[in-house]
Amino acid sequence: MKSPTPLRLTLGASIAVGMVFVLYLFAGLFGYLDFGAAMTGSALRHYNPIEDKMMGVGYAGILFKLCVGYGLHMIPVRDAIYHCVRVDVHTLEWWKNACLCGLMALLSLVAGLFLPNVKVAFGLVGGFSGGFIGFIYPALMVMYAGSWSLSSVGWYHYLSTYLLLIVGVIGVVWGTASSIYGEI
C-alpha cells in the first residue's frame, strides 16, 4: 500500500473482509439452495467430484488452498517457537530448522488423523485461540504495557481490563470444555 496510514489500512482490511464475507455468504446460500433441509454438515459430502467435473476442479482448488494455507500458517508458528527459545531463524542450521518443521508437520498430520470431524477442530481452535486473541492477550498487553496502576488509569479502565481478562479465561475454559464434551 502506498503511503499507509491507520485509516487506509483499516479501510483496506475492511474491504477485503467484506469481499470474503460476500463469497462465503454466496457459497453457503447456494449450497443450501442446492440441497435444502438435507444439508446437515459439509456441502462437499453431497457432491461427487468424479461425476461432476466442475466440482472436481473445485476440489483441486480447495486442495491447493489448504496446502498453501498450511505453509503460510506454519511460518509464524515456527517463528513464535524460535522466539520463545531465543533462537534466530536466520542463523540456525538448516537441518535443525527442517527437523522442527518436520515435527510440526507430523504433529499436524497425527492431529488430523485422530480428530473425528472438522467441527471438533473448529471448536477447539475457536474456544482456545478465540479466547486468547480476543480477550486474554489484549488485557495482558494493556496491563504490561507500562504505567498500569489504579491511580494512573482510574477505576473504570482498571476494572474493565480485569473483567476482560476474567471473561477471556472463562471463555477459553468453557469453549474448550464444551467442544470436548460435545464429542464424548
C-alpha atoms as a PDB file:
ATOM      1  CA  MET A   1       0.000   0.000   0.000  1.00  0.00           C
ATOM      2  CA  LYS A   2       1.400   3.355  -0.994  1.00  0.00           C
ATOM      3  CA  SER A   3       1.757   5.716   1.996  1.00  0.00           C
ATOM      4  CA  PRO A   4      -0.027   3.537   4.556  1.00  0.00           C
ATOM      5  CA  THR A   5      -1.932   5.221   7.349  1.00  0.00           C
ATOM      6  CA  PRO A   6      -4.091   3.622  10.038  1.00  0.00           C
ATOM      7  CA  LEU A   7      -7.229   4.830   8.262  1.00  0.00           C
ATOM      8  CA  ARG A   8      -6.147   3.446   4.871  1.00  0.00           C
ATOM      9  CA  LEU A   9      -5.071   0.120   6.402  1.00  0.00           C
ATOM     10  CA  THR A  10      -8.382  -0.164   8.245  1.00  0.00           C
ATOM     11  CA  LEU A  11     -10.288   0.669   5.083  1.00  0.00           C
ATOM     12  CA  GLY A  12      -8.311  -1.838   3.010  1.00  0.00           C
ATOM     13  CA  ALA A  13      -8.763  -4.588   5.597  1.00  0.00           C
ATOM     14  CA  SER A  14     -12.488  -3.819   5.863  1.00  0.00           C
ATOM     15  CA  ILE A  15     -12.938  -4.056   2.099  1.00  0.00           C
ATOM     16  CA  ALA A  16     -11.019  -7.359   1.975  1.00  0.00           C
ATOM     17  CA  VAL A  17     -13.030  -8.870   4.835  1.00  0.00           C
ATOM     18  CA  GLY A  18     -16.252  -7.641   3.219  1.00  0.00           C
ATOM     19  CA  MET A  19     -15.356  -9.306  -0.087  1.00  0.00           C
ATOM     20  CA  VAL A  20     -14.558 -12.598   1.652  1.00  0.00           C
ATOM     21  CA  PHE A  21     -17.829 -12.331   3.599  1.00  0.00           C
ATOM     22  CA  VAL A  22     -19.782 -11.968   0.358  1.00  0.00           C
ATOM     23  CA  LEU A  23     -18.023 -15.010  -1.137  1.00  0.00           C
ATOM     24  CA  TYR A  24     -18.748 -17.159   1.927  1.00  0.00           C
ATOM     25  CA  LEU A  25     -22.332 -15.915   2.028  1.00  0.00           C
ATOM     26  CA  PHE A  26     -22.891 -16.933  -1.588  1.00  0.00           C
ATOM     27  CA  ALA A  27     -21.202 -20.307  -1.048  1.00  0.00           C
ATOM     28  CA  GLY A  28     -23.443 -21.053   1.926  1.00  0.00           C
ATOM     29  CA  LEU A  29     -26.567 -19.719   0.248  1.00  0.00           C
ATOM     30  CA  PHE A  30     -26.127 -21.695  -2.965  1.00  0.00           C
ATOM     31  CA  GLY A  31     -25.159 -24.823  -1.026  1.00  0.00           C
ATOM     32  CA  TYR A  32     -28.372 -24.524   0.965  1.00  0.00           C
ATOM     33  CA  LEU A  33     -30.446 -23.763  -2.132  1.00  0.00           C
ATOM     34  CA  ASP A  34     -28.966 -26.801  -3.868  1.00  0.00           C
ATOM     35  CA  PHE A  35     -29.686 -29.302  -1.059  1.00  0.00           C
ATOM     36  CA  GLY A  36     -32.286 -27.632   1.166  1.00  0.00           C
ATOM     37  CA  ALA A  37     -33.025 -29.156   4.544  1.00  0.00           C
ATOM     38  CA  ALA A  38     -30.923 -32.247   3.710  1.00  0.00           C
ATOM     39  CA  MET A  39     -27.838 -30.108   4.346  1.00  0.00           C
ATOM     40  CA  THR A  40     -26.587 -31.071   7.803  1.00  0.00           C
ATOM     41  CA  GLY A  41     -22.794 -30.978   7.583  1.00  0.00           C
ATOM     42  CA  SER A  42     -20.298 -30.109   4.935  1.00  0.00           C
ATOM     43  CA  ALA A  43     -21.657 -29.394   1.468  1.00  0.00           C
ATOM     44  CA  LEU A  44     -18.648 -31.174  -0.013  1.00  0.00           C
ATOM     45  CA  ARG A  45     -20.064 -34.532   1.099  1.00  0.00           C
ATOM     46  CA  HIS A  46     -23.089 -34.027  -1.149  1.00  0.00           C
ATOM     47  CA  TYR A  47     -21.077 -33.544  -4.334  1.00  0.00           C
ATOM     48  CA  ASN A  48     -19.305 -36.217  -6.372  1.00  0.00           C
ATOM     49  CA  PRO A  49     -16.134 -34.721  -7.864  1.00  0.00           C
ATOM     50  CA  ILE A  50     -15.671 -37.670 -10.244  1.00  0.00           C
ATOM     51  CA  GLU A  51     -19.053 -37.299 -11.958  1.00  0.00           C
ATOM     52  CA  ASP A  52     -19.307 -33.513 -11.719  1.00  0.00           C
ATOM     53  CA  LYS A  53     -16.233 -32.099 -13.468  1.00  0.00           C
ATOM     54  CA  MET A  54     -16.718 -28.577 -12.102  1.00  0.00           C
ATOM     55  CA  MET A  55     -16.694 -29.921  -8.550  1.00  0.00           C
ATOM     56  CA  GLY A  56     -13.516 -31.831  -9.397  1.00  0.00           C
ATOM     57  CA  VAL A  57     -11.906 -28.522 -10.305  1.00  0.00           C
ATOM     58  CA  GLY A  58     -13.333 -27.064  -7.091  1.00  0.00           C
ATOM     59  CA  TYR A  59     -11.847 -29.901  -5.040  1.00  0.00           C
ATOM     60  CA  ALA A  60      -8.460 -29.302  -6.675  1.00  0.00           C
ATOM     61  CA  GLY A  61      -8.748 -25.607  -5.767  1.00  0.00           C
ATOM     62  CA  ILE A  62      -9.605 -26.457  -2.164  1.00  0.00           C
ATOM     63  CA  LEU A  63      -6.646 -28.839  -2.014  1.00  0.00           C
ATOM     64  CA  PHE A  64      -4.346 -26.111  -3.347  1.00  0.00           C
ATOM     65  CA  LYS A  65      -5.760 -23.588  -0.868  1.00  0.00           C
ATOM     66  CA  LEU A  66      -5.214 -25.963   2.052  1.00  0.00           C
ATOM     67  CA  CYS A  67      -1.625 -26.699   1.052  1.00  0.00           C
ATOM     68  CA  VAL A  68      -0.724 -23.031   0.610  1.00  0.00           C
ATOM     69  CA  GLY A  69      -2.613 -22.008   3.759  1.00  0.00           C
ATOM     70  CA  TYR A  70      -0.855 -24.660   5.827  1.00  0.00           C
ATOM     71  CA  GLY A  71       2.557 -23.366   4.812  1.00  0.00           C
ATOM     72  CA  LEU A  72       1.578 -19.760   5.445  1.00  0.00           C
ATOM     73  CA  HIS A  73       0.257 -20.595   8.912  1.00  0.00           C
ATOM     74  CA  MET A  74       3.245 -22.708   9.919  1.00  0.00           C
ATOM     75  CA  ILE A  75       5.772 -19.917   9.270  1.00  0.00           C
ATOM     76  CA  PRO A  76       4.505 -17.712  12.155  1.00  0.00           C
ATOM     77  CA  VAL A  77       4.136 -20.778  14.395  1.00  0.00           C
ATOM     78  CA  ARG A  78       7.753 -21.720  13.707  1.00  0.00           C
ATOM     79  CA  ASP A  79       8.907 -18.141  14.280  1.00  0.00           C
ATOM     80  CA  ALA A  80       6.971 -17.982  17.565  1.00  0.00           C
ATOM     81  CA  ILE A  81       8.659 -21.173  18.762  1.00  0.00           C
ATOM     82  CA  TYR A  82      12.074 -19.773  17.828  1.00  0.00           C
ATOM     83  CA  HIS A  83      11.267 -16.521  19.601  1.00  0.00           C
ATOM     84  CA  CYS A  84      10.275 -18.359  22.794  1.00  0.00           C
ATOM     85  CA  VAL A  85      13.528 -20.334  22.865  1.00  0.00           C
ATOM     86  CA  ARG A  86      15.534 -17.238  21.797  1.00  0.00           C
ATOM     87  CA  VAL A  87      16.869 -18.622  18.525  1.00  0.00           C
ATOM     88  CA  ASP A  88      17.327 -16.566  15.357  1.00  0.00           C
ATOM     89  CA  VAL A  89      15.857 -18.335  12.349  1.00  0.00           C
ATOM     90  CA  HIS A  90      18.433 -16.759  10.029  1.00  0.00           C
ATOM     91  CA  THR A  91      21.442 -18.138  11.923  1.00  0.00           C
ATOM     92  CA  LEU A  92      20.011 -21.580  12.690  1.00  0.00           C
ATOM     93  CA  GLU A  93      21.414 -24.571  10.820  1.00  0.00           C
ATOM     94  CA  TRP A  94      19.243 -25.861   8.005  1.00  0.00           C
ATOM     95  CA  TRP A  95      18.862 -29.364   9.410  1.00  0.00           C
ATOM     96  CA  LYS A  96      17.608 -28.085  12.787  1.00  0.00           C
ATOM     97  CA  ASN A  97      15.014 -25.939  11.038  1.00  0.00           C
ATOM     98  CA  ALA A  98      13.995 -28.913   8.881  1.00  0.00           C
ATOM     99  CA  CYS A  99      13.652 -31.120  11.971  1.00  0.00           C
ATOM    100  CA  LEU A 100      11.366 -28.626  13.715  1.00  0.00           C
ATOM    101  CA  CYS A 101       9.244 -28.050  10.607  1.00  0.00           C
ATOM    102  CA  GLY A 102       9.024 -31.811  10.032  1.00  0.00           C
ATOM    103  CA  LEU A 103       7.948 -32.363  13.639  1.00  0.00           C
ATOM    104  CA  MET A 104       5.253 -29.681  13.324  1.00  0.00           C
ATOM    105  CA  ALA A 105       4.004 -31.273  10.104  1.00  0.00           C
ATOM    106  CA  LEU A 106       3.952 -34.714  11.737  1.00  0.00           C
ATOM    107  CA  LEU A 107       2.003 -33.396  14.734  1.00  0.00           C
ATOM    108  CA  SER A 108      -0.486 -31.702  12.392  1.00  0.00           C
ATOM    109  CA  LEU A 109      -0.920 -34.929  10.450  1.00  0.00           C
ATOM    110  CA  VAL A 110      -1.475 -37.002  13.594  1.00  0.00           C
ATOM    111  CA  ALA A 111      -3.976 -34.457  14.934  1.00  0.00           C
ATOM    112  CA  GLY A 112      -5.797 -34.530  11.595  1.00  0.00           C
ATOM    113  CA  LEU A 113      -5.972 -38.312  11.654  1.00  0.00           C
ATOM    114  CA  PHE A 114      -7.411 -38.568  15.146  1.00  0.00           C
ATOM    115  CA  LEU A 115      -9.920 -35.709  15.108  1.00  0.00           C
ATOM    116  CA  PRO A 116     -13.324 -37.202  14.249  1.00  0.00           C
ATOM    117  CA  ASN A 117     -14.517 -34.241  12.178  1.00  0.00           C
ATOM    118  CA  VAL A 118     -13.689 -30.659  11.389  1.00  0.00           C
ATOM    119  CA  LYS A 119     -16.242 -29.329  13.895  1.00  0.00           C
ATOM    120  CA  VAL A 120     -14.035 -30.561  16.748  1.00  0.00           C
ATOM    121  CA  ALA A 121     -11.016 -28.744  15.324  1.00  0.00           C
ATOM    122  CA  PHE A 122     -13.011 -25.541  14.832  1.00  0.00           C
ATOM    123  CA  GLY A 123     -14.440 -25.825  18.343  1.00  0.00           C
ATOM    124  CA  LEU A 124     -11.039 -26.316  19.932  1.00  0.00           C
ATOM    125  CA  VAL A 125      -9.408 -23.562  17.907  1.00  0.00           C
ATOM    126  CA  GLY A 126     -12.323 -21.206  18.474  1.00  0.00           C
ATOM    127  CA  GLY A 127     -12.541 -21.887  22.188  1.00  0.00           C
ATOM    128  CA  PHE A 128      -8.824 -21.723  22.806  1.00  0.00           C
ATOM    129  CA  SER A 129      -7.449 -19.237  20.286  1.00  0.00           C
ATOM    130  CA  GLY A 130     -10.514 -17.013  20.195  1.00  0.00           C
ATOM    131  CA  GLY A 131     -10.440 -16.506  23.942  1.00  0.00           C
ATOM    132  CA  PHE A 132      -6.732 -15.776  23.973  1.00  0.00           C
ATOM    133  CA  ILE A 133      -6.644 -13.470  20.947  1.00  0.00           C
ATOM    134  CA  GLY A 134      -9.879 -11.621  21.665  1.00  0.00           C
ATOM    135  CA  PHE A 135      -9.806 -11.335  25.439  1.00  0.00           C
ATOM    136  CA  ILE A 136      -6.727 -12.500  27.334  1.00  0.00           C
ATOM    137  CA  TYR A 137      -3.915 -11.074  25.180  1.00  0.00           C
ATOM    138  CA  PRO A 138      -5.435  -7.565  24.867  1.00  0.00           C
ATOM    139  CA  ALA A 139      -5.970  -7.378  28.631  1.00  0.00           C
ATOM    140  CA  LEU A 140      -2.437  -8.572  29.368  1.00  0.00           C
ATOM    141  CA  MET A 141      -0.991  -6.201  26.776  1.00  0.00           C
ATOM    142  CA  VAL A 142      -2.680  -3.222  28.427  1.00  0.00           C
ATOM    143  CA  MET A 143      -1.600  -4.368  31.887  1.00  0.00           C
ATOM    144  CA  TYR A 144       2.043  -4.937  30.974  1.00  0.00           C
ATOM    145  CA  ALA A 145       2.488  -2.023  28.546  1.00  0.00           C
ATOM    146  CA  GLY A 146       3.586   0.223  31.399  1.00  0.00           C
ATOM    147  CA  SER A 147       2.104   2.777  33.771  1.00  0.00           C
ATOM    148  CA  TRP A 148      -0.621   0.363  34.787  1.00  0.00           C
ATOM    149  CA  SER A 149      -1.995   1.054  38.228  1.00  0.00           C
ATOM    150  CA  LEU A 150      -5.310   2.038  39.699  1.00  0.00           C
ATOM    151  CA  SER A 151      -4.125   5.598  40.268  1.00  0.00           C
ATOM    152  CA  SER A 152      -2.836   6.043  36.699  1.00  0.00           C
ATOM    153  CA  VAL A 153      -5.768   4.587  34.740  1.00  0.00           C
ATOM    154  CA  GLY A 154      -8.762   5.026  37.026  1.00  0.00           C
ATOM    155  CA  TRP A 155     -11.420   2.640  38.296  1.00  0.00           C
ATOM    156  CA  TYR A 156     -13.261   2.160  35.016  1.00  0.00           C
ATOM    157  CA  HIS A 157     -10.273   1.052  32.919  1.00  0.00           C
ATOM    158  CA  TYR A 158      -8.794  -0.915  35.803  1.00  0.00           C
ATOM    159  CA  LEU A 159     -11.943  -2.956  36.414  1.00  0.00           C
ATOM    160  CA  SER A 160     -12.760  -3.263  32.703  1.00  0.00           C
ATOM    161  CA  THR A 161      -9.350  -4.726  31.942  1.00  0.00           C
ATOM    162  CA  TYR A 162      -9.607  -7.271  34.737  1.00  0.00           C
ATOM    163  CA  LEU A 163     -13.144  -8.100  33.627  1.00  0.00           C
ATOM    164  CA  LEU A 164     -11.864  -8.651  30.082  1.00  0.00           C
ATOM    165  CA  LEU A 165      -9.166 -10.982  31.419  1.00  0.00           C
ATOM    166  CA  ILE A 166     -11.590 -12.959  33.603  1.00  0.00           C
ATOM    167  CA  VAL A 167     -14.155 -13.284  30.801  1.00  0.00           C
ATOM    168  CA  GLY A 168     -11.376 -14.490  28.498  1.00  0.00           C
ATOM    169  CA  VAL A 169     -10.296 -17.189  30.934  1.00  0.00           C
ATOM    170  CA  ILE A 170     -13.905 -18.308  31.371  1.00  0.00           C
ATOM    171  CA  GLY A 171     -14.382 -18.307  27.595  1.00  0.00           C
ATOM    172  CA  VAL A 172     -11.269 -20.412  26.997  1.00  0.00           C
ATOM    173  CA  VAL A 173     -12.207 -22.933  29.682  1.00  0.00           C
ATOM    174  CA  TRP A 174     -15.872 -23.248  28.720  1.00  0.00           C
ATOM    175  CA  GLY A 175     -15.261 -23.115  24.969  1.00  0.00           C
ATOM    176  CA  THR A 176     -12.638 -25.837  25.069  1.00  0.00           C
ATOM    177  CA  ALA A 177     -14.629 -27.942  27.538  1.00  0.00           C
ATOM    178  CA  SER A 178     -17.840 -27.698  25.515  1.00  0.00           C
ATOM    179  CA  SER A 179     -16.025 -28.719  22.357  1.00  0.00           C
ATOM    180  CA  ILE A 180     -14.593 -31.790  24.080  1.00  0.00           C
ATOM    181  CA  TYR A 181     -17.875 -32.564  25.874  1.00  0.00           C
ATOM    182  CA  GLY A 182     -19.752 -32.441  22.574  1.00  0.00           C
ATOM    183  CA  GLU A 183     -17.684 -35.367  21.310  1.00  0.00           C
ATOM    184  CA  ILE A 184     -17.932 -37.558  24.402  1.00  0.00           C
END
